Amino acid sequence: MDGFELICEVEPPTRPDLTKVRHQIGVLSPIADDFLIPDNHIGRATVSSVAVANEVQAMGARGIACLNSRDRNLLGLRRDLLTAAAYGVEQFLFVHGDDPSEGGRTSQLTVRTMIEETRGTSFPGCGPFQVGATARLGKVPAWKAEADFLYVQVSFDLDELLRWRDSVDLNIPVYAGVMVLASAKMAQNLAGLPQLAIPDALVEAVERDRDAGVDAACEQVLRIRESGAFEGVHLVPVSRYRQVAARLEREL
């Protein structure tokens, strides 16, 4: 894609069965440059993102393991880094993590301290880890600007994304977030979040035709690529990954 990277997020399993995640990887492989594996992202236990990243790599792609500070203390992070080194997983995205549905937060680590700890960790025969962070559409703290790459929050407004990109001076790869609205219910739920401005017309379109969410996301990916403002896109296809893969395979 002419240097433009498409990072596809997969849904990690909540049961000890990797069949579905393998299917996602297989379906999305023709369009994806890399795969991002979330970490207990809905406040429920999932198979380790490091283990799934290893599965991705066993299927011939590169896996990026997401780790959230919510569920970790220092020893837990060191265990994850050791496991990643054993598997050959070298890329991480560190996030704060939403509040869990139960169990509370460990509160020992922050994204910043996780980056610092990882940067200070090395293992014989394993290359240095690459670590990324996430950012909202506002000022980017200096320590995040020093990460290896940055993922920007999902936005349904390309003009807003471009204004933000022009407002920040970053010398690292920046990936714009694009999410598929998979259903009318999902669109309505997300529309209530203050950090996500979803156009009413898009919500109404998804209510009439659930494929409208797929079409809008794929068009957003293509427009972001054409803008030249970002190194790539972090695409969240959720349950519509088959339709997204089919559409983008024709367009890219």
C-alpha atoms as a PDB file:
ATOM      1  CA  MET A   1       0.000   0.000   0.000  1.00  0.00           C
ATOM      2  CA  ASP A   2       2.825   2.373  -0.903  1.00  0.00           C
ATOM      3  CA  GLY A   3       4.199   2.511   2.634  1.00  0.00           C
ATOM      4  CA  PHE A   4       0.774   3.051   4.199  1.00  0.00           C
ATOM      5  CA  GLU A   5       0.197   0.425   6.892  1.00  0.00           C
ATOM      6  CA  LEU A   6      -3.099  -1.163   7.820  1.00  0.00           C
ATOM      7  CA  ILE A   7      -3.059  -2.506  11.379  1.00  0.00           C
ATOM      8  CA  CYS A   8      -6.099  -4.718  11.955  1.00  0.00           C
ATOM      9  CA  GLU A   9      -7.355  -5.380  15.455  1.00  0.00           C
ATOM     10  CA  VAL A  10      -8.613  -8.870  16.224  1.00  0.00           C
ATOM     11  CA  GLU A  11     -11.009  -9.999  18.920  1.00  0.00           C
ATOM     12  CA  PRO A  12      -9.093 -12.128  21.450  1.00  0.00           C
ATOM     13  CA  PRO A  13     -10.913 -15.208  22.745  1.00  0.00           C
ATOM     14  CA  THR A  14     -12.582 -15.303  26.143  1.00  0.00           C
ATOM     15  CA  ARG A  15     -12.456 -19.119  26.090  1.00  0.00           C
ATOM     16  CA  PRO A  16      -9.490 -21.496  25.686  1.00  0.00           C
ATOM     17  CA  ASP A  17     -10.098 -21.871  21.956  1.00  0.00           C
ATOM     18  CA  LEU A  18      -8.111 -20.039  19.273  1.00  0.00           C
ATOM     19  CA  THR A  19     -10.233 -21.175  16.322  1.00  0.00           C
ATOM     20  CA  LYS A  20     -12.066 -17.874  15.859  1.00  0.00           C
ATOM     21  CA  VAL A  21      -8.983 -15.697  16.190  1.00  0.00           C
ATOM     22  CA  ARG A  22      -7.163 -17.883  13.653  1.00  0.00           C
ATOM     23  CA  HIS A  23     -10.085 -17.397  11.298  1.00  0.00           C
ATOM     24  CA  GLN A  24      -9.934 -13.609  11.748  1.00  0.00           C
ATOM     25  CA  ILE A  25      -6.221 -13.619  10.976  1.00  0.00           C
ATOM     26  CA  GLY A  26      -6.704 -15.767   7.899  1.00  0.00           C
ATOM     27  CA  VAL A  27      -9.535 -13.622   6.523  1.00  0.00           C
ATOM     28  CA  LEU A  28      -7.796 -10.301   7.191  1.00  0.00           C
ATOM     29  CA  SER A  29      -4.276 -11.331   6.121  1.00  0.00           C
ATOM     30  CA  PRO A  30      -4.712 -10.209   2.471  1.00  0.00           C
ATOM     31  CA  ILE A  31      -5.260  -6.595   3.598  1.00  0.00           C
ATOM     32  CA  ALA A  32      -3.428  -6.364   6.953  1.00  0.00           C
ATOM     33  CA  ASP A  33       0.201  -5.423   7.396  1.00  0.00           C
ATOM     34  CA  ASP A  34       0.134  -6.228  11.115  1.00  0.00           C
ATOM     35  CA  PHE A  35      -2.361  -7.348  13.760  1.00  0.00           C
ATOM     36  CA  LEU A  36      -3.092  -5.701  17.092  1.00  0.00           C
ATOM     37  CA  ILE A  37      -4.323  -7.942  19.891  1.00  0.00           C
ATOM     38  CA  PRO A  38      -6.262  -6.185  22.690  1.00  0.00           C
ATOM     39  CA  ASP A  39      -5.754  -7.014  26.357  1.00  0.00           C
ATOM     40  CA  ASN A  40      -8.872  -7.707  28.459  1.00  0.00           C
ATOM     41  CA  HIS A  41     -10.319  -4.715  26.604  1.00  0.00           C
ATOM     42  CA  ILE A  42     -13.925  -5.210  27.678  1.00  0.00           C
ATOM     43  CA  GLY A  43     -13.049  -5.724  31.324  1.00  0.00           C
ATOM     44  CA  ARG A  44     -13.237  -9.506  30.950  1.00  0.00           C
ATOM     45  CA  ALA A  45     -10.413 -12.017  30.937  1.00  0.00           C
ATOM     46  CA  THR A  46      -9.168 -12.978  27.485  1.00  0.00           C
ATOM     47  CA  VAL A  47      -6.363 -15.216  26.282  1.00  0.00           C
ATOM     48  CA  SER A  48      -3.036 -13.421  26.771  1.00  0.00           C
ATOM     49  CA  SER A  49      -2.366 -10.861  24.045  1.00  0.00           C
ATOM     50  CA  VAL A  50       1.256 -12.018  23.978  1.00  0.00           C
ATOM     51  CA  ALA A  51       0.146 -15.602  23.330  1.00  0.00           C
ATOM     52  CA  VAL A  52      -2.219 -14.496  20.548  1.00  0.00           C
ATOM     53  CA  ALA A  53       0.532 -12.324  19.036  1.00  0.00           C
ATOM     54  CA  ASN A  54       2.672 -15.445  18.926  1.00  0.00           C
ATOM     55  CA  GLU A  55      -0.183 -17.239  17.139  1.00  0.00           C
ATOM     56  CA  VAL A  56      -0.337 -14.387  14.613  1.00  0.00           C
ATOM     57  CA  GLN A  57       3.366 -14.745  13.935  1.00  0.00           C
ATOM     58  CA  ALA A  58       3.049 -18.517  13.573  1.00  0.00           C
ATOM     59  CA  MET A  59       0.588 -17.769  10.741  1.00  0.00           C
ATOM     60  CA  GLY A  60       3.160 -15.598   8.964  1.00  0.00           C
ATOM     61  CA  ALA A  61       2.134 -12.093  10.093  1.00  0.00           C
ATOM     62  CA  ARG A  62       3.394  -9.728  12.780  1.00  0.00           C
ATOM     63  CA  GLY A  63       1.552  -9.428  16.056  1.00  0.00           C
ATOM     64  CA  ILE A  64       1.440  -6.339  18.260  1.00  0.00           C
ATOM     65  CA  ALA A  65       0.496  -7.201  21.832  1.00  0.00           C
ATOM     66  CA  CYS A  66      -1.574  -4.636  23.688  1.00  0.00           C
ATOM     67  CA  LEU A  67      -0.949  -4.496  27.449  1.00  0.00           C
ATOM     68  CA  ASN A  68      -2.966  -2.346  29.826  1.00  0.00           C
ATOM     69  CA  SER A  69      -1.682  -0.901  33.064  1.00  0.00           C
ATOM     70  CA  ARG A  70      -5.008  -1.598  34.771  1.00  0.00           C
ATOM     71  CA  ASP A  71      -4.316  -5.292  35.277  1.00  0.00           C
ATOM     72  CA  ARG A  72      -0.589  -5.307  36.016  1.00  0.00           C
ATOM     73  CA  ASN A  73       1.940  -4.832  38.705  1.00  0.00           C
ATOM     74  CA  LEU A  74       5.667  -4.669  37.995  1.00  0.00           C
ATOM     75  CA  LEU A  75       6.196  -8.405  38.336  1.00  0.00           C
ATOM     76  CA  GLY A  76       3.319  -9.078  35.934  1.00  0.00           C
ATOM     77  CA  LEU A  77       4.835  -6.764  33.328  1.00  0.00           C
ATOM     78  CA  ARG A  78       8.225  -8.424  33.670  1.00  0.00           C
ATOM     79  CA  ARG A  79       6.560 -11.814  33.181  1.00  0.00           C
ATOM     80  CA  ASP A  80       4.900 -10.528  29.980  1.00  0.00           C
ATOM     81  CA  LEU A  81       8.197  -9.179  28.632  1.00  0.00           C
ATOM     82  CA  LEU A  82       9.947 -12.467  29.381  1.00  0.00           C
ATOM     83  CA  THR A  83       7.157 -14.408  27.667  1.00  0.00           C
ATOM     84  CA  ALA A  84       7.272 -12.068  24.665  1.00  0.00           C
ATOM     85  CA  ALA A  85      11.040 -12.531  24.358  1.00  0.00           C
ATOM     86  CA  ALA A  86      10.577 -16.316  24.431  1.00  0.00           C
ATOM     87  CA  TYR A  87       7.965 -16.074  21.646  1.00  0.00           C
ATOM     88  CA  GLY A  88       9.809 -13.477  19.568  1.00  0.00           C
ATOM     89  CA  VAL A  89       7.068 -10.850  20.015  1.00  0.00           C
ATOM     90  CA  GLU A  90       8.788  -7.474  19.849  1.00  0.00           C
ATOM     91  CA  GLN A  91       6.034  -4.862  19.537  1.00  0.00           C
ATOM     92  CA  PHE A  92       3.709  -3.590  22.264  1.00  0.00           C
ATOM     93  CA  LEU A  93       0.971  -1.020  22.546  1.00  0.00           C
ATOM     94  CA  PHE A  94       0.560   0.172  26.137  1.00  0.00           C
ATOM     95  CA  VAL A  95      -2.793   1.548  27.262  1.00  0.00           C
ATOM     96  CA  HIS A  96      -4.397   2.702  30.494  1.00  0.00           C
ATOM     97  CA  GLY A  97      -7.325   0.308  30.175  1.00  0.00           C
ATOM     98  CA  ASP A  98     -10.997   0.948  30.821  1.00  0.00           C
ATOM     99  CA  ASP A  99     -12.394   0.305  34.274  1.00  0.00           C
ATOM    100  CA  PRO A 100     -13.079  -3.416  34.687  1.00  0.00           C
ATOM    101  CA  SER A 101     -16.536  -4.842  35.276  1.00  0.00           C
ATOM    102  CA  GLU A 102     -15.218  -6.483  38.429  1.00  0.00           C
ATOM    103  CA  GLY A 103     -12.025  -6.820  40.450  1.00  0.00           C
ATOM    104  CA  GLY A 104     -10.807  -3.206  40.403  1.00  0.00           C
ATOM    105  CA  ARG A 105      -7.409  -1.914  39.252  1.00  0.00           C
ATOM    106  CA  THR A 106      -3.967  -2.890  40.479  1.00  0.00           C
ATOM    107  CA  SER A 107      -2.941   0.800  40.132  1.00  0.00           C
ATOM    108  CA  GLN A 108       0.774   0.050  40.487  1.00  0.00           C
ATOM    109  CA  LEU A 109       1.764   0.861  36.898  1.00  0.00           C
ATOM    110  CA  THR A 110       1.025   3.619  34.422  1.00  0.00           C
ATOM    111  CA  VAL A 111       1.597   3.618  30.690  1.00  0.00           C
ATOM    112  CA  ARG A 112       4.605   5.858  31.242  1.00  0.00           C
ATOM    113  CA  THR A 113       6.235   3.554  33.801  1.00  0.00           C
ATOM    114  CA  MET A 114       5.512   0.540  31.581  1.00  0.00           C
ATOM    115  CA  ILE A 115       7.340   2.227  28.711  1.00  0.00           C
ATOM    116  CA  GLU A 116      10.275   3.100  30.979  1.00  0.00           C
ATOM    117  CA  GLU A 117      10.497  -0.444  32.346  1.00  0.00           C
ATOM    118  CA  THR A 118      10.321  -1.978  28.866  1.00  0.00           C
ATOM    119  CA  ARG A 119      12.961   0.365  27.489  1.00  0.00           C
ATOM    120  CA  GLY A 120      15.244  -0.731  30.324  1.00  0.00           C
ATOM    121  CA  THR A 121      14.695  -4.444  29.670  1.00  0.00           C
ATOM    122  CA  SER A 122      16.682  -6.589  27.273  1.00  0.00           C
ATOM    123  CA  PHE A 123      17.284 -10.288  26.761  1.00  0.00           C
ATOM    124  CA  PRO A 124      20.144 -12.066  24.949  1.00  0.00           C
ATOM    125  CA  GLY A 125      19.207 -12.894  21.385  1.00  0.00           C
ATOM    126  CA  CYS A 126      16.113 -10.685  21.450  1.00  0.00           C
ATOM    127  CA  GLY A 127      16.043  -7.330  19.683  1.00  0.00           C
ATOM    128  CA  PRO A 128      14.926  -4.239  21.594  1.00  0.00           C
ATOM    129  CA  PHE A 129      11.179  -4.050  22.154  1.00  0.00           C
ATOM    130  CA  GLN A 130       9.216  -1.390  20.285  1.00  0.00           C
ATOM    131  CA  VAL A 131       6.624   0.350  22.418  1.00  0.00           C
ATOM    132  CA  GLY A 132       3.687   2.504  21.397  1.00  0.00           C
ATOM    133  CA  ALA A 133       1.110   4.609  23.206  1.00  0.00           C
ATOM    134  CA  THR A 134      -2.326   6.016  22.455  1.00  0.00           C
ATOM    135  CA  ALA A 135      -3.427   9.641  22.214  1.00  0.00           C
ATOM    136  CA  ARG A 136      -6.633  11.622  22.133  1.00  0.00           C
ATOM    137  CA  LEU A 137      -7.206  14.462  19.702  1.00  0.00           C
ATOM    138  CA  GLY A 138      -5.496  17.078  21.832  1.00  0.00           C
ATOM    139  CA  LYS A 139      -2.055  17.935  23.101  1.00  0.00           C
ATOM    140  CA  VAL A 140       0.354  14.991  23.147  1.00  0.00           C
ATOM    141  CA  PRO A 141       2.537  14.769  26.283  1.00  0.00           C
ATOM    142  CA  ALA A 142       6.271  14.842  25.591  1.00  0.00           C
ATOM    143  CA  TRP A 143       6.811  11.337  26.956  1.00  0.00           C
ATOM    144  CA  LYS A 144       4.224   9.913  24.532  1.00  0.00           C
ATOM    145  CA  ALA A 145       5.886  11.756  21.656  1.00  0.00           C
ATOM    146  CA  GLU A 146       9.039   9.790  22.501  1.00  0.00           C
ATOM    147  CA  ALA A 147       7.351   6.410  22.040  1.00  0.00           C
ATOM    148  CA  ASP A 148       8.179   4.352  18.959  1.00  0.00           C
ATOM    149  CA  PHE A 149       4.707   4.895  17.474  1.00  0.00           C
ATOM    150  CA  LEU A 150       1.394   6.470  18.395  1.00  0.00           C
ATOM    151  CA  TYR A 151      -2.190   5.303  17.911  1.00  0.00           C
ATOM    152  CA  VAL A 152      -4.766   8.080  17.767  1.00  0.00           C
ATOM    153  CA  GLN A 153      -8.275   7.589  19.109  1.00  0.00           C
ATOM    154  CA  VAL A 154     -11.035   6.513  16.767  1.00  0.00           C
ATOM    155  CA  SER A 155     -12.642   9.408  14.914  1.00  0.00           C
ATOM    156  CA  PHE A 156     -15.459   9.502  12.392  1.00  0.00           C
ATOM    157  CA  ASP A 157     -14.460  12.974  11.184  1.00  0.00           C
ATOM    158  CA  LEU A 158     -11.519  13.146   8.778  1.00  0.00           C
ATOM    159  CA  ASP A 159     -11.360  16.944   8.933  1.00  0.00           C
ATOM    160  CA  GLU A 160     -11.016  16.756  12.710  1.00  0.00           C
ATOM    161  CA  LEU A 161      -8.226  14.202  12.349  1.00  0.00           C
ATOM    162  CA  LEU A 162      -6.356  16.337   9.821  1.00  0.00           C
ATOM    163  CA  ARG A 163      -6.658  19.467  11.970  1.00  0.00           C
ATOM    164  CA  TRP A 164      -5.239  17.566  14.915  1.00  0.00           C
ATOM    165  CA  ARG A 165      -2.370  16.159  12.842  1.00  0.00           C
ATOM    166  CA  ASP A 166      -1.459  19.651  11.664  1.00  0.00           C
ATOM    167  CA  SER A 167      -1.486  20.897  15.267  1.00  0.00           C
ATOM    168  CA  VAL A 168       1.104  18.465  16.629  1.00  0.00           C
ATOM    169  CA  ASP A 169       4.789  18.081  15.833  1.00  0.00           C
ATOM    170  CA  LEU A 170       5.563  14.377  15.980  1.00  0.00           C
ATOM    171  CA  ASN A 171       8.562  12.575  14.563  1.00  0.00           C
ATOM    172  CA  ILE A 172       7.228   9.068  15.068  1.00  0.00           C
ATOM    173  CA  PRO A 173       4.744   6.995  13.028  1.00  0.00           C
ATOM    174  CA  VAL A 174       1.152   7.987  13.796  1.00  0.00           C
ATOM    175  CA  TYR A 175      -1.816   5.712  13.098  1.00  0.00           C
ATOM    176  CA  ALA A 176      -5.381   6.990  12.879  1.00  0.00           C
ATOM    177  CA  GLY A 177      -8.143   4.981  14.531  1.00  0.00           C
ATOM    178  CA  VAL A 178     -11.049   3.734  12.391  1.00  0.00           C
ATOM    179  CA  MET A 179     -13.882   1.625  13.786  1.00  0.00           C
ATOM    180  CA  VAL A 180     -16.674  -0.237  12.026  1.00  0.00           C
ATOM    181  CA  LEU A 181     -20.142   0.416  13.404  1.00  0.00           C
ATOM    182  CA  ALA A 182     -21.320  -3.173  13.269  1.00  0.00           C
ATOM    183  CA  SER A 183     -24.973  -2.636  14.171  1.00  0.00           C
ATOM    184  CA  ALA A 184     -27.562  -0.020  15.036  1.00  0.00           C
ATOM    185  CA  LYS A 185     -27.244  -0.918  18.727  1.00  0.00           C
ATOM    186  CA  MET A 186     -23.477  -0.438  18.661  1.00  0.00           C
ATOM    187  CA  ALA A 187     -23.872   2.900  16.862  1.00  0.00           C
ATOM    188  CA  GLN A 188     -26.408   4.109  19.427  1.00  0.00           C
ATOM    189  CA  ASN A 189     -24.235   3.017  22.369  1.00  0.00           C
ATOM    190  CA  LEU A 190     -21.098   4.672  21.027  1.00  0.00           C
ATOM    191  CA  ALA A 191     -22.969   7.833  20.086  1.00  0.00           C
ATOM    192  CA  GLY A 192     -23.504   8.425  23.800  1.00  0.00           C
ATOM    193  CA  LEU A 193     -19.766   8.612  24.531  1.00  0.00           C
ATOM    194  CA  PRO A 194     -18.533  12.222  24.798  1.00  0.00           C
ATOM    195  CA  GLN A 195     -15.136  11.454  23.221  1.00  0.00           C
ATOM    196  CA  LEU A 196     -16.733  10.013  20.075  1.00  0.00           C
ATOM    197  CA  ALA A 197     -18.643  12.350  17.790  1.00  0.00           C
ATOM    198  CA  ILE A 198     -20.588  10.074  15.464  1.00  0.00           C
ATOM    199  CA  PRO A 199     -22.590  11.909  12.789  1.00  0.00           C
ATOM    200  CA  ASP A 200     -26.339  11.425  13.198  1.00  0.00           C
ATOM    201  CA  ALA A 201     -26.556  10.615   9.504  1.00  0.00           C
ATOM    202  CA  LEU A 202     -24.180   7.665   9.967  1.00  0.00           C
ATOM    203  CA  VAL A 203     -26.139   6.301  12.923  1.00  0.00           C
ATOM    204  CA  GLU A 204     -29.352   6.567  10.894  1.00  0.00           C
ATOM    205  CA  ALA A 205     -27.684   4.885   7.903  1.00  0.00           C
ATOM    206  CA  VAL A 206     -26.571   1.926  10.047  1.00  0.00           C
ATOM    207  CA  GLU A 207     -30.089   1.656  11.444  1.00  0.00           C
ATOM    208  CA  ARG A 208     -31.392   1.283   7.882  1.00  0.00           C
ATOM    209  CA  ASP A 209     -28.586  -0.936   6.587  1.00  0.00           C
ATOM    210  CA  ARG A 210     -25.924  -2.518   8.804  1.00  0.00           C
ATOM    211  CA  ASP A 211     -23.530  -2.638   5.839  1.00  0.00           C
ATOM    212  CA  ALA A 212     -23.424   1.159   5.992  1.00  0.00           C
ATOM    213  CA  GLY A 213     -21.005   0.877   8.913  1.00  0.00           C
ATOM    214  CA  VAL A 214     -18.652  -1.256   6.853  1.00  0.00           C
ATOM    215  CA  ASP A 215     -18.855   1.115   3.889  1.00  0.00           C
ATOM    216  CA  ALA A 216     -18.195   4.189   6.042  1.00  0.00           C
ATOM    217  CA  ALA A 217     -15.153   2.641   7.744  1.00  0.00           C
ATOM    218  CA  CYS A 218     -13.618   1.440   4.479  1.00  0.00           C
ATOM    219  CA  GLU A 219     -14.149   4.845   2.882  1.00  0.00           C
ATOM    220  CA  GLN A 220     -12.510   6.461   5.914  1.00  0.00           C
ATOM    221  CA  VAL A 221      -9.469   4.198   5.532  1.00  0.00           C
ATOM    222  CA  LEU A 222      -9.129   5.149   1.869  1.00  0.00           C
ATOM    223  CA  ARG A 223      -9.528   8.863   2.555  1.00  0.00           C
ATOM    224  CA  ILE A 224      -6.920   8.770   5.327  1.00  0.00           C
ATOM    225  CA  ARG A 225      -4.497   7.030   2.980  1.00  0.00           C
ATOM    226  CA  GLU A 226      -5.135   9.617   0.263  1.00  0.00           C
ATOM    227  CA  SER A 227      -4.527  12.471   2.725  1.00  0.00           C
ATOM    228  CA  GLY A 228      -0.922  11.393   3.297  1.00  0.00           C
ATOM    229  CA  ALA A 229      -1.144  12.739   6.856  1.00  0.00           C
ATOM    230  CA  PHE A 230      -0.711   9.422   8.661  1.00  0.00           C
ATOM    231  CA  GLU A 231       1.615   6.472   8.396  1.00  0.00           C
ATOM    232  CA  GLY A 232      -1.333   4.148   8.569  1.00  0.00           C
ATOM    233  CA  VAL A 233      -4.616   3.192  10.168  1.00  0.00           C
ATOM    234  CA  HIS A 234      -5.515   1.157  13.215  1.00  0.00           C
ATOM    235  CA  LEU A 235      -8.691  -0.539  12.000  1.00  0.00           C
ATOM    236  CA  VAL A 236     -11.211  -2.098  14.395  1.00  0.00           C
ATOM    237  CA  PRO A 237     -13.493  -4.273  12.221  1.00  0.00           C
ATOM    238  CA  VAL A 238     -15.211  -6.015  15.201  1.00  0.00           C
ATOM    239  CA  SER A 239     -17.616  -8.725  14.002  1.00  0.00           C
ATOM    240  CA  ARG A 240     -17.696  -7.438  10.391  1.00  0.00           C
ATOM    241  CA  TYR A 241     -14.144  -8.442   9.542  1.00  0.00           C
ATOM    242  CA  ARG A 242     -15.233 -10.658   6.622  1.00  0.00           C
ATOM    243  CA  GLN A 243     -17.098  -7.814   4.924  1.00  0.00           C
ATOM    244  CA  VAL A 244     -14.294  -5.337   5.624  1.00  0.00           C
ATOM    245  CA  ALA A 245     -11.658  -7.681   4.186  1.00  0.00           C
ATOM    246  CA  ALA A 246     -13.707  -8.290   1.032  1.00  0.00           C
ATOM    247  CA  ARG A 247     -14.315  -4.570   0.465  1.00  0.00           C
ATOM    248  CA  LEU A 248     -10.756  -3.385   1.109  1.00  0.00           C
ATOM    249  CA  GLU A 249      -9.200  -6.209  -0.887  1.00  0.00           C
ATOM    250  CA  ARG A 250     -11.007  -4.780  -3.922  1.00  0.00           C
ATOM    251  CA  GLU A 251     -10.103  -1.162  -3.141  1.00  0.00           C
ATOM    252  CA  LEU A 252      -6.499  -1.271  -1.997  1.00  0.00           C
END
